[in-house]
Amino acid sequence: MNRMKKYLTFYIVLLSTGMHAQDTGAPLGSPAYHIIDRMSILHDSLCVIRPEVKFYARRDLAEYAVALDSTAVGLSRLDKADIEYLLRDNNEWVDSAARTYNDKALLRFFYQSPANLFEVDVPHFYMRANPILNLELGQERDNDLLLGANQRGIEVRGGVDEVVTFYTSVIESQARYPDYVYDHVADYKAVPRVGFYKAFKRDGEPVEKAFDFNVANAYIGVQATKHIGIQFGHSKHFIGNGYRSLFLSDFGNYTFFLKFNTRVWKFQYQNLFMELSPTTPAADSGGDELLPKKYTAMHYLNFQASPRLSFGLYEATVFNRINQFEFQYLNPIILYRTVEGMLGSPDNVLLGADVRWNLFKRVQLYGQFFVDELVFSELFSGSGWWGNKYGVQTGVKYINAFGVDHLDLRGEMNLIRPYTFAHFDSLSSYTHYNQPLAHPLWANFMELIGIARYQPTHRWTATGRLMYARVGDDPRGENWGTNPLLDYDSRVQDYGNTIGQGIGATIALAGLDVGFQFYHNMYLDLKVLYRRKDSEDDNLDQNTFYLGAALRLNFWQPELDF
C-alpha cells in the first residue's frame, strides 16, 4: 500500500505541474546537478525532472525543492541545506513569503537575497543579475610558467508574462593551462569547452602559452503551449546520466541552436537543431573569413516507465549543404534514417538508447548504447571490421555510501570503437569547431572512471576523481580511427581493427578538488591534478602534476579530464 501511495503521488505530481517546459536553465556544472542526482534517487517518486536532459529549468528546480521540503520524509540536515540552496538559487519561482532575504541589503539595492546581486520582481516581469568571477593561480611541476585563469563577466536572466524568458552571459578570459591542455589546443586549434581564442598579449607582445578568449551564452525561450516550449540562441546541452555522454556533451564549443521541448504524461521529447562549424579560424584560414557551416538535427525521447525506471531513444544526423540547412530534417517526428534514404543517403546518421534504474533508494544503474554503423554478421564474426562503429557506457551511482550522509560514489565505463563519429565526408563528422560533440577522447578508446564526493557540511565539499583509459593515437598521415575529423575512407585497414590501435597509449589521471562556499555561489578552491600519458611513442609521453587555488563567484567550469 505504501508503494502504491508513492507511485500515485508520482503521477499526481507529474500531471499537475503543467509541465513547465521552457525556462532559463541552471548553468551546466552548478551544484544543482549533483543535488538532483542525489534527490532523484533518494526521492524519485516526487521528481518530475528528467535527469537525462540537461540543462535543468530553474522553475522545475524550485518546484521540486518545494515538493521535497513539504512532502519528503527522512531528510538529513545536509539534505535540507541542499533544498535551501535550490530555493535560494531559483527564488524567482518561489513565493515571496517563503523566500530568504538579507536583513541588510548592500546599499539597499544589492544582495537583497543571498543568491543575487540585483533582482527585480514586478507584475509580469522578473530579472536577476549576478557577477561571474574565476581567479585561479597554480603551478605545474617541471614548468617555470605560472598557470591559471583570470575570468570576469556578468549574467542576466529574466522573464516576461511567464511566457517569454531570456538568459545572457559574457565572460572575458585570459588563461594559461597545463601542458597537456596546451598540446590539445595546438593540435586542434580550439580551447576545450570554449572554442575560439587568440594569443594573449601584454604591451603588444604575445605572452608565452597564454590564451585570450570570450565566452558568450545567450538564448530566449517561449512557452508555446502548456506542454511545449521553444528555445533559440547560443548555449550548450548534455544528454545522459553519466560523467561522460556518448550522445551529446558540453566538452566542445557553444552552438547556435533551436530547441523544442515537449513534456506530457510519461514522455519528454526534445528536438534540437544546431548550426556547427567543421573547423576553426586558426585551423582554416587564420584570418577574417567566413567559416564553412554544417548542421545537425537531433531528437531524444524519454519514457518514464515508473519513478525508478526510464528508457530513452536518441537519433541524430549531421549534414553539410554548403551553408544551407536541409529543411526535410525539420520534421520533428520522422526517423532521420528515412529522410536520409530519400535524399540518397549522403548524411551521417547516428542512433542510441539509454536506461536509468534506481534501486533501494541508494543506487542508480545507468547506461548508453550508441551506434554509428553496424552489421550484425560482422559484429559477431570477430573479424574487427572497421564499419562496426559503436559505443557503450555503463555506470553506477551509490548515494550516502556505507550509510555516510553525502558520501556519494560513482563508477563508469566508456568504450568507443575506432572510426566512430567519422564519415566519408569529413565535414559531416560528429564534431563542432574541431571538438567532439560527445566524448572528449573522441573514439578508439576504453575508459574507466571513479568519482568520490563528500560533503561533511553545507560549506565544505571534497571531490576525488580517478580516470584510466587505453587509447590509440593516429600517426601523422595515417587514420587508425581516433580522430573523426578525418574521413573514414582514408582508413588504414578494413579488418583487424581493435580498440587502442595505432600508437597505443594509456592515460592515468587523479584529481582532488576541495571547495569552501563562504557565501552563496562564492567559493575558495584547492586543486590537485596528476596526469600521466604513457605512449608507445616516447615523444607523445606526458607527465603533469598541477597544484592550484581559485576564487570563484557564479562560475561553473567542468574539469578538463581527458
Protein backbone atom coordinates (compact mmCIF):
# COMPACT_ATOMS: atom_id res chain seq x y z
CA MET A 1 0.00 0.00 0.00
CA ASN A 2 2.85 2.43 0.82
CA ARG A 3 4.41 1.73 -2.55
CA MET A 4 1.08 2.39 -4.28
CA LYS A 5 0.78 5.71 -2.45
CA LYS A 6 4.25 6.72 -3.57
CA TYR A 7 3.54 5.84 -7.18
CA LEU A 8 0.21 7.66 -7.00
CA THR A 9 1.98 10.73 -5.65
CA PHE A 10 4.44 10.49 -8.53
CA TYR A 11 1.74 10.51 -11.18
CA ILE A 12 -0.30 13.25 -9.49
CA VAL A 13 2.75 15.49 -9.33
CA LEU A 14 3.69 14.57 -12.90
CA LEU A 15 0.29 15.54 -14.25
CA SER A 16 -0.42 18.55 -12.04
CA THR A 17 2.72 20.57 -12.67
CA GLY A 18 1.58 21.78 -16.06
CA MET A 19 4.93 20.56 -17.40
CA HIS A 20 6.68 23.92 -17.48
CA ALA A 21 8.86 23.10 -20.45
CA GLN A 22 10.93 26.21 -21.06
CA ASP A 23 12.63 28.48 -18.56
CA THR A 24 16.14 29.74 -18.13
CA GLY A 25 18.38 26.86 -17.13
CA ALA A 26 20.76 26.35 -14.27
CA PRO A 27 24.28 26.54 -15.75
CA LEU A 28 25.80 23.14 -16.51
CA GLY A 29 28.20 22.15 -13.75
CA SER A 30 26.46 24.10 -10.98
CA PRO A 31 25.66 22.39 -7.63
CA ALA A 32 22.04 21.93 -8.71
CA TYR A 33 23.04 18.99 -10.92
CA HIS A 34 24.60 16.95 -8.14
CA ILE A 35 21.69 17.79 -5.84
CA ILE A 36 19.23 16.48 -8.44
CA ASP A 37 21.45 13.42 -8.95
CA ARG A 38 21.03 12.65 -5.25
CA MET A 39 17.41 13.59 -4.78
CA SER A 40 16.19 11.83 -7.92
CA ILE A 41 17.50 8.60 -6.37
CA LEU A 42 16.53 9.23 -2.74
CA HIS A 43 13.09 10.67 -3.53
CA ASP A 44 12.35 9.53 -7.06
CA SER A 45 8.58 9.45 -6.57
CA LEU A 46 8.50 13.25 -6.25
CA CYS A 47 10.89 14.05 -9.10
CA VAL A 48 9.43 15.40 -12.33
CA ILE A 49 12.86 16.40 -13.65
CA ARG A 50 14.29 14.02 -16.22
CA PRO A 51 17.97 13.83 -15.23
CA GLU A 52 18.95 12.73 -18.73
CA VAL A 53 18.05 16.06 -20.36
CA LYS A 54 20.28 18.93 -19.30
CA PHE A 55 20.20 21.85 -18.67
CA TYR A 56 17.52 21.87 -15.95
CA ALA A 57 14.85 24.56 -15.97
CA ARG A 58 15.00 26.78 -12.88
CA ARG A 59 11.24 26.62 -12.45
CA ASP A 60 11.40 22.83 -12.24
CA LEU A 61 14.23 23.02 -9.72
CA ALA A 62 12.25 25.38 -7.50
CA GLU A 63 9.05 23.34 -7.68
CA TYR A 64 10.89 20.11 -6.92
CA ALA A 65 12.59 21.77 -3.94
CA VAL A 66 9.22 22.95 -2.63
CA ALA A 67 7.77 19.43 -3.06
CA LEU A 68 10.73 17.93 -1.19
CA ASP A 69 10.54 20.50 1.58
CA SER A 70 6.83 19.93 2.16
CA THR A 71 6.44 16.20 1.43
CA ALA A 72 9.67 14.23 1.71
CA VAL A 73 10.42 12.38 4.94
CA GLY A 74 13.72 11.34 6.43
CA LEU A 75 15.61 14.38 5.20
CA SER A 76 19.02 14.87 6.81
CA ARG A 77 20.45 18.20 7.88
CA LEU A 78 22.51 18.36 4.70
CA ASP A 79 19.51 17.37 2.55
CA LYS A 80 17.66 20.35 3.99
CA ALA A 81 20.65 22.56 3.20
CA ASP A 82 20.57 21.30 -0.42
CA ILE A 83 16.88 22.13 -0.66
CA GLU A 84 17.52 25.57 0.76
CA TYR A 85 20.23 26.07 -1.86
CA LEU A 86 17.77 25.29 -4.67
CA LEU A 87 15.15 27.61 -3.19
CA ARG A 88 17.63 30.46 -2.87
CA ASP A 89 19.22 29.93 -6.26
CA ASN A 90 15.88 29.88 -8.09
CA ASN A 91 13.92 32.29 -5.94
CA GLU A 92 12.09 33.89 -8.88
CA TRP A 93 9.89 30.77 -8.79
CA VAL A 94 9.44 30.73 -5.01
CA ASP A 95 6.56 32.52 -3.31
CA SER A 96 7.81 35.81 -1.87
CA ALA A 97 6.59 34.85 1.60
CA ALA A 98 8.83 31.76 1.55
CA ARG A 99 11.99 33.42 0.24
CA THR A 100 15.15 34.09 2.20
CA TYR A 101 16.08 37.76 2.41
CA ASN A 102 19.13 39.53 3.78
CA ASP A 103 18.42 41.67 6.81
CA LYS A 104 20.54 44.48 5.43
CA ALA A 105 20.89 44.73 1.67
CA LEU A 106 24.08 46.26 0.30
CA LEU A 107 23.31 49.92 -0.44
CA ARG A 108 19.61 48.96 -0.15
CA PHE A 109 19.50 47.56 -3.69
CA PHE A 110 22.18 44.88 -3.89
CA TYR A 111 22.03 41.37 -2.46
CA GLN A 112 18.51 41.74 -1.16
CA SER A 113 18.57 37.95 -1.21
CA PRO A 114 21.67 35.74 -0.79
CA ALA A 115 21.77 34.42 -4.37
CA ASN A 116 21.53 37.57 -6.48
CA LEU A 117 23.49 40.78 -6.73
CA PHE A 118 20.46 42.56 -8.17
CA GLU A 119 16.89 41.38 -8.66
CA VAL A 120 13.61 42.82 -9.88
CA ASP A 121 10.14 41.43 -9.22
CA VAL A 122 7.21 43.44 -10.55
CA PRO A 123 3.95 42.30 -12.14
CA HIS A 124 4.60 40.44 -15.40
CA PHE A 125 8.39 40.81 -15.20
CA TYR A 126 11.33 39.47 -13.22
CA MET A 127 15.09 39.80 -13.63
CA ARG A 128 18.22 38.54 -11.88
CA ALA A 129 21.78 39.84 -12.44
CA ASN A 130 24.98 38.39 -11.00
CA PRO A 131 28.73 38.83 -11.42
CA ILE A 132 30.90 35.97 -12.67
CA LEU A 133 34.47 35.63 -11.48
CA ASN A 134 37.17 32.95 -11.66
CA LEU A 135 40.65 33.81 -10.42
CA GLU A 136 42.91 30.77 -10.45
CA LEU A 137 46.63 30.54 -9.80
CA GLY A 138 48.70 27.38 -9.99
CA GLN A 139 51.97 25.72 -10.83
CA GLU A 140 52.84 22.66 -12.87
CA ARG A 141 55.87 20.60 -11.95
CA ASP A 142 58.76 20.98 -14.42
CA ASN A 143 57.13 24.10 -15.83
CA ASP A 144 58.52 27.50 -14.90
CA LEU A 145 55.45 29.33 -16.20
CA LEU A 146 52.76 30.45 -13.78
CA LEU A 147 49.44 28.87 -14.72
CA GLY A 148 45.85 29.89 -14.02
CA ALA A 149 42.96 31.97 -15.25
CA ASN A 150 41.58 35.49 -14.96
CA GLN A 151 37.91 35.42 -15.95
CA ARG A 152 35.34 38.14 -15.30
CA GLY A 153 31.82 38.51 -16.52
CA ILE A 154 28.14 39.02 -15.83
CA GLU A 155 24.95 37.02 -16.30
CA VAL A 156 21.39 38.29 -16.56
CA ARG A 157 18.22 36.23 -16.68
CA GLY A 158 14.57 37.13 -16.60
CA GLY A 159 11.06 36.60 -17.87
CA VAL A 160 8.03 38.44 -19.20
CA ASP A 161 4.39 37.38 -18.66
CA GLU A 162 5.51 33.86 -17.62
CA VAL A 163 5.68 33.14 -21.35
CA VAL A 164 8.97 34.61 -22.59
CA THR A 165 12.26 34.06 -20.76
CA PHE A 166 15.78 35.21 -21.55
CA TYR A 167 19.32 34.50 -20.43
CA THR A 168 22.62 36.09 -21.36
CA SER A 169 26.14 35.91 -20.01
CA VAL A 170 29.54 37.02 -21.21
CA ILE A 171 32.90 36.16 -19.68
CA GLU A 172 36.19 37.80 -20.67
CA SER A 173 39.05 35.39 -20.11
CA GLN A 174 42.79 35.06 -20.09
CA ALA A 175 44.22 31.66 -19.24
CA ARG A 176 47.34 29.53 -19.26
CA TYR A 177 46.83 25.76 -18.95
CA PRO A 178 48.94 22.71 -18.08
CA ASP A 179 50.98 21.37 -20.98
CA TYR A 180 48.58 18.54 -21.89
CA VAL A 181 45.81 21.09 -22.48
CA TYR A 182 48.16 23.40 -24.35
CA ASP A 183 49.16 20.50 -26.62
CA HIS A 184 45.47 19.80 -27.29
CA VAL A 185 44.93 23.43 -28.31
CA ALA A 186 48.00 23.30 -30.56
CA ASP A 187 46.73 20.12 -32.24
CA TYR A 188 43.07 21.11 -32.75
CA LYS A 189 43.25 24.93 -32.79
CA ALA A 190 40.48 25.27 -30.20
CA VAL A 191 40.38 25.66 -26.41
CA PRO A 192 38.44 22.77 -24.83
CA ARG A 193 34.92 23.78 -23.70
CA VAL A 194 35.47 27.23 -25.23
CA GLY A 195 36.49 27.13 -28.89
CA PHE A 196 37.69 30.42 -30.37
CA TYR A 197 40.78 32.01 -28.87
CA LYS A 198 43.61 34.43 -29.57
CA ALA A 199 47.12 34.66 -28.21
CA PHE A 200 47.13 36.78 -25.07
CA LYS A 201 49.27 39.89 -25.46
CA ARG A 202 50.79 42.25 -22.93
CA ASP A 203 52.07 45.60 -24.19
CA GLY A 204 51.51 44.34 -27.71
CA GLU A 205 53.71 41.26 -27.27
CA PRO A 206 52.39 37.67 -27.04
CA VAL A 207 52.63 36.07 -23.61
CA GLU A 208 54.09 32.57 -23.80
CA LYS A 209 51.45 29.82 -23.96
CA ALA A 210 48.67 32.16 -22.78
CA PHE A 211 45.23 32.46 -24.41
CA ASP A 212 42.71 35.27 -24.62
CA PHE A 213 39.05 34.43 -25.29
CA ASN A 214 35.48 35.43 -24.58
CA VAL A 215 32.66 33.08 -23.63
CA ALA A 216 29.15 34.18 -24.62
CA ASN A 217 25.96 32.28 -23.82
CA ALA A 218 22.55 33.72 -24.66
CA TYR A 219 19.10 32.44 -25.55
CA ILE A 220 15.41 33.24 -25.33
CA GLY A 221 12.56 30.86 -24.54
CA VAL A 222 8.87 30.92 -25.37
CA GLN A 223 6.17 28.77 -23.78
CA ALA A 224 4.26 27.90 -26.94
CA THR A 225 1.63 25.72 -25.22
CA LYS A 226 1.12 24.23 -21.78
CA HIS A 227 3.37 21.32 -22.69
CA ILE A 228 5.63 22.64 -25.47
CA GLY A 229 8.43 25.15 -25.09
CA ILE A 230 10.86 26.64 -27.59
CA GLN A 231 14.38 27.99 -27.05
CA PHE A 232 16.61 29.81 -29.51
CA GLY A 233 20.14 31.14 -29.15
CA HIS A 234 23.65 30.04 -28.21
CA SER A 235 24.30 27.55 -25.43
CA LYS A 236 25.40 24.01 -24.52
CA HIS A 237 23.41 20.85 -23.87
CA PHE A 238 24.02 17.44 -22.33
CA ILE A 239 22.08 14.18 -22.71
CA GLY A 240 22.69 11.35 -20.28
CA ASN A 241 23.21 10.34 -16.66
CA GLY A 242 26.95 9.81 -16.86
CA TYR A 243 30.05 11.83 -16.13
CA ARG A 244 30.51 11.47 -19.89
CA SER A 245 27.89 11.28 -22.62
CA LEU A 246 28.06 9.25 -25.82
CA PHE A 247 25.13 11.23 -27.25
CA LEU A 248 25.80 14.91 -26.60
CA SER A 249 28.17 16.52 -24.10
CA ASP A 250 29.36 20.00 -23.11
CA PHE A 251 33.06 19.46 -23.89
CA GLY A 252 33.05 21.44 -27.12
CA ASN A 253 32.24 24.97 -28.15
CA TYR A 254 28.88 26.70 -27.72
CA THR A 255 26.43 26.15 -30.58
CA PHE A 256 23.74 28.18 -32.29
CA PHE A 257 20.55 26.20 -31.67
CA LEU A 258 16.79 25.89 -31.92
CA LYS A 259 15.20 23.55 -29.39
CA PHE A 260 11.67 22.23 -28.92
CA ASN A 261 10.94 20.57 -25.60
CA THR A 262 7.69 18.61 -25.18
CA ARG A 263 6.71 17.16 -21.80
CA VAL A 264 3.42 15.35 -21.38
CA TRP A 265 2.30 12.32 -19.33
CA LYS A 266 5.30 9.98 -19.01
CA PHE A 267 7.09 11.34 -22.08
CA GLN A 268 9.69 14.01 -22.62
CA TYR A 269 10.64 14.68 -26.22
CA GLN A 270 13.40 17.06 -27.23
CA ASN A 271 14.11 18.27 -30.78
CA LEU A 272 17.43 20.04 -31.14
CA PHE A 273 18.69 21.71 -34.32
CA MET A 274 22.18 23.20 -34.33
CA GLU A 275 24.44 25.09 -36.70
CA LEU A 276 28.01 23.81 -36.41
CA SER A 277 31.43 24.59 -37.80
CA PRO A 278 33.62 21.79 -39.20
CA THR A 279 36.80 23.75 -38.45
CA THR A 280 38.17 26.81 -36.62
CA PRO A 281 39.64 30.13 -37.80
CA ALA A 282 43.13 29.12 -36.67
CA ALA A 283 42.92 25.76 -38.47
CA ASP A 284 41.16 27.03 -41.60
CA SER A 285 42.23 30.46 -42.78
CA GLY A 286 43.84 32.19 -39.83
CA GLY A 287 42.13 35.39 -40.96
CA ASP A 288 38.80 37.18 -41.07
CA GLU A 289 36.96 34.80 -43.36
CA LEU A 290 33.57 33.17 -43.01
CA LEU A 291 33.93 29.61 -41.79
CA PRO A 292 32.07 26.83 -43.58
CA LYS A 293 28.96 25.52 -41.86
CA LYS A 294 27.34 22.21 -41.21
CA TYR A 295 24.19 21.29 -39.35
CA THR A 296 22.77 18.68 -37.07
CA ALA A 297 19.23 17.63 -36.20
CA MET A 298 18.72 15.54 -33.07
CA HIS A 299 15.78 14.14 -31.20
CA TYR A 300 15.65 12.37 -27.88
CA LEU A 301 12.58 10.63 -26.44
CA ASN A 302 12.49 9.69 -22.77
CA PHE A 303 9.82 7.40 -21.34
CA GLN A 304 9.38 7.32 -17.56
CA ALA A 305 8.01 3.82 -17.04
CA SER A 306 7.94 4.30 -13.26
CA PRO A 307 9.53 6.65 -10.75
CA ARG A 308 12.54 4.32 -10.70
CA LEU A 309 12.87 3.25 -14.32
CA SER A 310 13.19 5.19 -17.54
CA PHE A 311 14.24 4.49 -21.12
CA GLY A 312 15.41 6.80 -23.86
CA LEU A 313 15.88 6.71 -27.63
CA TYR A 314 18.23 9.06 -29.46
CA GLU A 315 18.77 9.85 -33.11
CA ALA A 316 20.93 12.47 -34.79
CA THR A 317 22.07 13.38 -38.27
CA VAL A 318 24.95 15.64 -39.29
CA PHE A 319 24.91 17.10 -42.79
CA ASN A 320 26.79 19.55 -44.96
CA ARG A 321 24.85 21.56 -47.56
CA ILE A 322 27.29 24.36 -48.41
CA ASN A 323 25.83 26.68 -45.77
CA GLN A 324 22.22 25.70 -46.43
CA PHE A 325 20.01 23.82 -43.98
CA GLU A 326 18.31 20.64 -45.16
CA PHE A 327 14.70 21.54 -44.39
CA GLN A 328 13.42 17.96 -44.58
CA TYR A 329 15.11 17.33 -41.23
CA LEU A 330 12.77 19.85 -39.60
CA ASN A 331 10.10 17.13 -39.47
CA PRO A 332 10.03 16.64 -35.68
CA ILE A 333 8.77 13.05 -35.52
CA ILE A 334 10.14 11.26 -38.58
CA LEU A 335 13.10 8.89 -38.38
CA TYR A 336 16.13 10.69 -39.80
CA ARG A 337 17.36 7.48 -41.43
CA THR A 338 14.20 7.57 -43.56
CA VAL A 339 14.88 11.15 -44.65
CA GLU A 340 18.49 10.26 -45.37
CA GLY A 341 17.33 7.46 -47.62
CA MET A 342 15.01 9.79 -49.53
CA LEU A 343 17.92 12.18 -50.04
CA GLY A 344 20.26 9.49 -51.34
CA SER A 345 21.99 8.64 -48.01
CA PRO A 346 24.57 11.44 -48.09
CA ASP A 347 24.49 12.24 -44.38
CA ASN A 348 25.85 10.92 -41.11
CA VAL A 349 23.03 9.36 -39.07
CA LEU A 350 23.60 8.07 -35.54
CA LEU A 351 21.31 6.13 -33.19
CA GLY A 352 21.31 5.48 -29.47
CA ALA A 353 19.40 4.15 -26.49
CA ASP A 354 19.78 4.66 -22.76
CA VAL A 355 18.34 3.39 -19.49
CA ARG A 356 18.22 4.54 -15.86
CA TRP A 357 17.16 2.31 -12.96
CA ASN A 358 17.04 3.36 -9.31
CA LEU A 359 17.40 0.68 -6.62
CA PHE A 360 17.00 0.66 -2.84
CA LYS A 361 16.82 4.49 -2.59
CA ARG A 362 20.61 4.46 -2.70
CA VAL A 363 21.78 3.12 -6.05
CA GLN A 364 21.31 4.11 -9.66
CA LEU A 365 22.33 1.96 -12.63
CA TYR A 366 22.58 3.72 -15.97
CA GLY A 367 23.90 3.11 -19.44
CA GLN A 368 24.02 4.26 -23.05
CA PHE A 369 24.44 2.35 -26.30
CA PHE A 370 25.42 4.36 -29.34
CA VAL A 371 25.50 3.13 -32.95
CA ASP A 372 27.13 4.97 -35.82
CA GLU A 373 27.13 1.96 -38.13
CA LEU A 374 26.67 -1.74 -37.51
CA VAL A 375 26.38 -5.00 -39.45
CA PHE A 376 25.37 -7.93 -37.22
CA SER A 377 27.03 -10.57 -39.36
CA GLU A 378 30.34 -8.74 -38.96
CA LEU A 379 29.74 -7.87 -35.30
CA PHE A 380 29.96 -11.46 -34.09
CA SER A 381 32.47 -12.69 -36.66
CA GLY A 382 35.47 -11.50 -34.67
CA SER A 383 36.98 -10.03 -37.83
CA GLY A 384 37.38 -6.48 -36.47
CA TRP A 385 35.52 -4.94 -39.41
CA TRP A 386 36.04 -1.18 -39.47
CA GLY A 387 32.32 -0.46 -40.02
CA ASN A 388 31.25 -1.78 -36.62
CA LYS A 389 31.22 1.71 -35.16
CA TYR A 390 29.53 1.88 -31.79
CA GLY A 391 29.98 2.98 -28.19
CA VAL A 392 28.89 1.60 -24.82
CA GLN A 393 28.56 3.26 -21.44
CA THR A 394 27.71 1.55 -18.16
CA GLY A 395 27.68 3.21 -14.78
CA VAL A 396 26.56 3.08 -11.18
CA LYS A 397 25.93 5.76 -8.56
CA TYR A 398 25.88 4.99 -4.85
CA ILE A 399 24.33 7.75 -2.72
CA ASN A 400 25.08 8.07 1.01
CA ALA A 401 27.61 5.27 0.58
CA PHE A 402 28.04 2.91 3.53
CA GLY A 403 25.48 4.94 5.48
CA VAL A 404 27.59 8.13 5.44
CA ASP A 405 25.44 11.16 4.66
CA HIS A 406 26.55 12.94 1.48
CA LEU A 407 29.31 10.49 0.64
CA ASP A 408 28.47 9.79 -2.98
CA LEU A 409 30.33 7.38 -5.25
CA ARG A 410 30.26 6.81 -8.99
CA GLY A 411 31.86 4.22 -11.25
CA GLU A 412 31.67 4.42 -15.02
CA MET A 413 33.00 2.59 -18.07
CA ASN A 414 33.03 4.05 -21.58
CA LEU A 415 34.07 2.27 -24.75
CA ILE A 416 34.02 3.61 -28.31
CA ARG A 417 35.21 1.66 -31.35
CA PRO A 418 37.63 3.04 -33.97
CA TYR A 419 36.18 5.28 -36.71
CA THR A 420 33.02 6.03 -34.67
CA PHE A 421 31.64 9.54 -35.29
CA ALA A 422 33.59 9.80 -38.59
CA HIS A 423 32.03 10.00 -42.06
CA PHE A 424 33.13 9.64 -45.67
CA ASP A 425 32.53 13.41 -45.94
CA SER A 426 34.83 14.79 -43.23
CA LEU A 427 32.62 17.90 -42.99
CA SER A 428 29.78 15.67 -41.73
CA SER A 429 31.68 14.14 -38.81
CA TYR A 430 30.05 14.25 -35.37
CA THR A 431 32.14 17.24 -34.32
CA HIS A 432 31.94 21.00 -33.90
CA TYR A 433 34.73 23.55 -34.06
CA ASN A 434 37.39 20.81 -34.14
CA GLN A 435 35.96 19.45 -30.88
CA PRO A 436 33.87 16.34 -30.20
CA LEU A 437 30.13 16.63 -29.73
CA ALA A 438 30.24 13.62 -27.43
CA HIS A 439 33.18 12.11 -25.52
CA PRO A 440 36.40 14.20 -25.14
CA LEU A 441 38.60 11.21 -26.05
CA TRP A 442 36.95 11.14 -29.50
CA ALA A 443 36.99 7.38 -30.44
CA ASN A 444 39.21 4.28 -30.36
CA PHE A 445 39.42 4.01 -26.56
CA MET A 446 38.26 2.23 -23.43
CA GLU A 447 37.92 4.29 -20.24
CA LEU A 448 37.26 3.63 -16.55
CA ILE A 449 36.23 6.44 -14.18
CA GLY A 450 35.78 6.55 -10.41
CA ILE A 451 34.50 9.58 -8.51
CA ALA A 452 34.00 10.11 -4.78
CA ARG A 453 32.31 13.26 -3.48
CA TYR A 454 31.99 14.02 0.22
CA GLN A 455 30.21 16.98 1.76
CA PRO A 456 30.74 16.99 5.54
CA THR A 457 28.95 20.36 5.92
CA HIS A 458 26.93 22.53 3.62
CA ARG A 459 30.00 24.74 3.10
CA TRP A 460 32.76 22.16 2.53
CA THR A 461 32.99 19.76 -0.41
CA ALA A 462 35.78 17.39 -1.46
CA THR A 463 35.74 15.56 -4.79
CA GLY A 464 38.26 12.94 -5.87
CA ARG A 465 38.45 11.66 -9.44
CA LEU A 466 40.29 8.72 -10.97
CA MET A 467 40.45 8.00 -14.69
CA TYR A 468 42.24 5.26 -16.59
CA ALA A 469 41.99 4.98 -20.36
CA ARG A 470 43.54 2.85 -23.07
CA VAL A 471 43.67 4.94 -26.24
CA GLY A 472 45.18 4.92 -29.69
CA ASP A 473 46.74 7.89 -31.47
CA ASP A 474 46.84 8.37 -35.22
CA PRO A 475 50.39 8.59 -36.57
CA ARG A 476 50.93 11.54 -38.87
CA GLY A 477 49.41 10.75 -42.26
CA GLU A 478 47.59 7.62 -41.06
CA ASN A 479 43.99 7.14 -39.95
CA TRP A 480 43.55 4.41 -37.34
CA GLY A 481 40.13 5.67 -36.24
CA THR A 482 40.80 8.02 -33.31
CA ASN A 483 40.14 11.38 -34.94
CA PRO A 484 36.66 11.78 -36.52
CA LEU A 485 37.87 14.93 -38.29
CA LEU A 486 39.47 12.53 -40.78
CA ASP A 487 37.18 10.89 -43.34
CA TYR A 488 36.85 7.14 -42.85
CA ASP A 489 37.70 6.41 -46.48
CA SER A 490 41.30 7.19 -45.51
CA ARG A 491 41.35 4.29 -43.03
CA VAL A 492 44.39 2.05 -42.84
CA GLN A 493 42.59 -1.30 -42.98
CA ASP A 494 39.13 -2.83 -43.30
CA TYR A 495 39.62 -5.76 -40.91
CA GLY A 496 41.56 -6.45 -37.74
CA ASN A 497 40.59 -3.16 -36.08
CA THR A 498 40.75 -3.14 -32.29
CA ILE A 499 40.40 -0.51 -29.58
CA GLY A 500 43.68 1.24 -28.89
CA GLN A 501 45.12 0.62 -32.35
CA GLY A 502 47.54 2.99 -33.99
CA ILE A 503 50.05 4.31 -31.49
CA GLY A 504 48.79 2.68 -28.29
CA ALA A 505 48.87 4.62 -25.03
CA THR A 506 47.43 4.64 -21.54
CA ILE A 507 46.24 7.72 -19.67
CA ALA A 508 46.06 7.72 -15.87
CA LEU A 509 44.56 10.75 -14.13
CA ALA A 510 43.89 11.53 -10.46
CA GLY A 511 42.37 14.77 -9.24
CA LEU A 512 41.28 16.22 -5.91
CA ASP A 513 39.22 19.39 -5.53
CA VAL A 514 38.39 20.86 -2.13
CA GLY A 515 35.93 23.75 -2.07
CA PHE A 516 34.69 26.07 0.68
CA GLN A 517 31.49 28.02 -0.02
CA PHE A 518 31.82 31.14 2.10
CA TYR A 519 28.67 32.71 0.66
CA HIS A 520 26.03 31.58 -1.81
CA ASN A 521 27.82 30.50 -5.03
CA MET A 522 31.10 32.02 -3.82
CA TYR A 523 33.95 29.56 -3.34
CA LEU A 524 37.56 29.16 -2.38
CA ASP A 525 39.06 26.09 -4.07
CA LEU A 526 42.19 24.00 -3.76
CA LYS A 527 43.02 21.80 -6.77
CA VAL A 528 45.48 18.96 -7.21
CA LEU A 529 45.84 17.08 -10.50
CA TYR A 530 48.13 14.28 -11.58
CA ARG A 531 48.04 13.02 -15.17
CA ARG A 532 50.36 10.63 -16.95
CA LYS A 533 50.20 9.53 -20.56
CA ASP A 534 52.43 6.57 -21.38
CA SER A 535 52.66 6.06 -25.15
CA GLU A 536 54.35 3.52 -27.38
CA ASP A 537 55.92 6.59 -28.99
CA ASP A 538 58.09 8.20 -26.29
CA ASN A 539 57.68 11.58 -27.98
CA LEU A 540 53.99 11.51 -27.05
CA ASP A 541 54.55 10.80 -23.34
CA GLN A 542 53.16 13.43 -20.96
CA ASN A 543 53.53 13.99 -17.23
CA THR A 544 51.52 16.56 -15.32
CA PHE A 545 51.41 17.43 -11.65
CA TYR A 546 49.40 20.60 -11.00
CA LEU A 547 48.64 22.41 -7.77
CA GLY A 548 46.38 25.44 -7.79
CA ALA A 549 43.95 27.61 -5.85
CA ALA A 550 40.98 29.62 -7.05
CA LEU A 551 38.35 32.16 -6.07
CA ARG A 552 35.01 31.58 -7.86
CA LEU A 553 31.76 33.55 -7.98
CA ASN A 554 28.89 32.05 -10.00
CA PHE A 555 31.41 30.25 -12.20
CA TRP A 556 30.98 26.61 -13.21
CA GLN A 557 33.76 25.15 -15.33
CA PRO A 558 33.85 21.35 -15.51
CA GLU A 559 37.23 19.72 -15.19
CA LEU A 560 39.44 19.05 -18.21
CA ASP A 561 39.70 15.31 -17.66
CA PHE A 562 40.93 13.83 -20.91
